[in-house]
Protein backbone atom coordinates (compact mmCIF):
# COMPACT_ATOMS: atom_id res chain seq x y z
CA MET A 1 154.02 -60.30 -14.93
CA THR A 2 155.82 -57.12 -14.48
CA LEU A 3 155.00 -54.01 -16.55
CA VAL A 4 157.77 -51.59 -16.95
CA LEU A 5 156.91 -48.07 -18.40
CA LEU A 6 159.58 -45.69 -19.48
CA ILE A 7 158.48 -42.16 -19.97
CA THR A 8 161.01 -39.68 -21.26
CA GLY A 9 160.61 -36.01 -21.77
CA CYS A 10 157.24 -35.78 -19.91
CA ILE A 11 157.17 -32.34 -18.48
CA ASN A 12 154.05 -30.42 -17.76
CA ARG A 13 154.57 -27.42 -20.11
CA SER A 14 152.48 -25.40 -22.49
CA PRO A 15 152.62 -26.19 -26.22
CA ASP A 16 154.49 -22.90 -27.06
CA GLN A 17 157.08 -23.59 -24.38
CA SER A 18 160.36 -24.95 -25.39
CA PRO A 19 161.65 -28.19 -23.77
CA SER A 20 164.46 -26.26 -21.99
CA GLU A 21 162.22 -23.80 -20.23
CA LEU A 22 161.11 -24.66 -16.89
CA THR A 23 157.79 -23.51 -15.29
CA LYS A 24 157.95 -21.50 -12.10
CA GLN A 25 157.02 -24.55 -9.95
CA GLN A 26 159.67 -26.67 -11.78
CA LEU A 27 162.16 -24.07 -11.00
CA ILE A 28 161.17 -23.95 -7.30
CA ASP A 29 161.37 -27.74 -7.09
CA LYS A 30 164.95 -27.73 -8.81
CA ASN A 31 166.09 -25.14 -6.30
CA GLN A 32 164.83 -27.14 -3.40
CA ARG A 33 166.55 -30.18 -4.76
CA CYS A 34 169.79 -28.47 -5.20
CA ALA A 35 169.59 -27.02 -1.71
CA LYS A 36 168.95 -30.44 -0.44
CA LEU A 37 171.95 -31.88 -2.32
CA GLN A 38 174.15 -29.15 -0.88
CA GLN A 39 173.15 -30.14 2.53
CA GLN A 40 173.75 -33.79 1.90
CA ILE A 41 177.25 -33.03 0.49
CA LYS A 42 178.06 -31.16 3.82
CA ASP A 43 176.52 -33.87 6.01
CA LEU A 44 178.27 -36.71 4.27
CA VAL A 45 181.88 -35.77 5.48
CA GLY A 46 183.50 -39.10 6.34
CA LYS A 47 181.58 -41.11 3.72
CA PRO A 48 183.46 -40.47 0.56
CA VAL A 49 181.55 -42.79 -1.69
CA ARG A 50 178.13 -41.33 -0.75
CA ARG A 51 179.47 -37.86 -0.77
CA THR A 52 181.02 -38.22 -4.23
CA THR A 53 177.63 -39.64 -5.53
CA ALA A 54 175.79 -36.67 -4.04
CA ARG A 55 178.23 -34.26 -5.71
CA GLU A 56 177.74 -36.02 -9.11
CA TYR A 57 174.02 -35.57 -8.63
CA TYR A 58 174.49 -32.02 -7.86
CA GLU A 59 176.78 -31.25 -10.82
CA LYS A 60 174.36 -33.03 -13.19
CA GLU A 61 171.23 -31.47 -11.90
CA CYS A 62 172.20 -28.08 -10.66
CA LEU A 63 175.19 -26.91 -12.70
CA GLN A 64 173.65 -27.10 -16.09
């Protein structure tokens, strides 16, 4: 038997904090993820499919 849990919108935040606000740690994590994606994009020259995927992730996660 396989158990699948879908959890959406679970972000550790205080009750008075709006869903669009990030905590300091979440912002640091996001910045690190974006920097890692930028490096992947640079490293994936010659691999167009993987590079395009990395660009799409970067646009979705970092340019909002």
